[in-house]
Amino acid sequence: MGQSLVKNYIPIVFSTKHRKPLIIPPIASELYSYLGGICNQLECQTIPVGGYTDHVHVLCMLSKKVALMKLLEELKSSSSKWMKTKSRSFNDFYWQNGYGAFSVKPSEVDVVKRYIANQFEHHSKKTFQDEYRAILKKYNVEYDERYVWD
């Protein structure tokens, strides 16, 4: 077989450093578009990008040509630099060191899209930390609470 066929749907989540609520309108929609542009440049087709004031969710199809770590490195470093150009109030904008990335079946993509679209409603009831713990539990990811947050 000479053809490489890949279709990996990857939801990615990461927060601002110390979960500072810096992703506010109108910069939020610009940031989501910027992150989507980075994914698309790397041939990781963006499905939706969204989030809340202290974190983002990216759902994309991971390219067969790009390692997940490379995608995350580009997303975080480029967008952090970009945010700093938007206003002096973002001079101290940083992303947390870690991230969560999981895979979903094609049949679950619409569920993830709705989840990302409803972040403000969702976070009226649950903090980012509680959301992230629930995601880790859902995917059976073992973690040490001392090293998850920064």
Foldseek 3Di string as FASTA:
>chain_A
DPDDDFWWKKKKKWWKAQQPQQCDPPNVVVLQVVLQVLCVVQVFHWDGWAAGRTMIITITTDDPVDDPVRSVVCSFPVSLVVQVVPDVVSVVIHIDPDMDMDTDDPVCVVVVVVVRVCRVVVVVPDDPVRVVVVVCVVVVHDDDPVPPHD
